[in-house]
């Protein structure tokens, strides 16, 4: 199994006391603008009759979006009332990935009969969702929307941007890409309209008798008046390495990872790129006690990134830990929710806000029972575990 196919896998104050023995002398992280927030970890309700869930994005006010029991959902109000999002006709499961300031949601849906996937849109309060892309097998159907409602996704192998349901531009492959390169995903668009995605190419080098493969992030500047940037990677030209861009903040900083897999030897390395995108990515390091880390999301302007630290056993992930990175220093852990189902909670983080909330999920390793999660005032809860 190569690297590309493999990736196509309410806390009370007492909780802080439990964690105290785990926190190093450095103490919790502190983010700017968090004076009014109250630290808590909230388990969100699931859709009726279902279990588990994930928060993947945040909208205006207290709106959060994601999935519940494998179905698209969103939560509203201080009590996080759960609402179902209708799937596009003919599809069986999916999730909401992001939402605009006016309630335009975007997500992905899958069809069990043939494994086909689509990206879809849903306006909060509407009776139906609409497929945005054509059904495709073997595609992740990644999609994102920014605050103003600009949507990005790959449709029929073409990277596109939509406004008000109409395609306003197609995103080109960088001119310096190797032969055979195509855009395989679009995963982030910031307030300005800068877009991040991932490209992959492969060709046979007859002179050296080798197959050359490169998977790398790309940034398309807002407006389409400038050529895209091919972001630099530590390792390329071999199919064991895939470097992926996951999100882009309003300053243009990109977060993601290098995913390595060869002969049952996986490795996840966090990666961060900054404008003007003329240097190799930086590695913020690992969470103590974990050998692997991927960054999945970032706050718009506060320089925070979130993700998941992973421990592998015999090449399979055996433990997940939600991670909070303040933008400097070492990555920190977010506490497991008090009252989480089961005895071995595994947590992951996917989205962050400027008002210091983090969204993700928790699942028990043994029972697989889980819940969507929001960490409020996350910087005051993040801690450095003892290795």
Foldseek 3Di string as FASTA:
>chain_A
DAQVLVVLDFFDPVLVVVCVVFFDPVAFFAFPPQPPWDWGKDFADADPPFFWWWFQEAEPDGKTWWHHRQFTWIFDDPNRDIDGAADAPQFDGWYWHYAANQQWTKIKTAHPVQGWMFIWIDRPPDPHIGTLADTDHSANQAKYAERQGWIWWAHPQWTFIDDPSHTPDTADDAPPDDPAKTWRTWAEAEPQGKTKGKIKGWDADPVVRDIFIFIFMKIQGPPNPDHIDTADEPDGRDRQWHWTWAYAAQQGKTKWWIWGDDPLDTATFIFIAHPPRPDYTDTQDAAPPARHWTWHEDARPQQKTKWWGFHDDSSHTQAIFIWIDRNHHHIFTADDHPPFPDDAKHWTWHYAYPNQKTWTKIAHRPPRGIGTMITMNRSNRTRRGHD
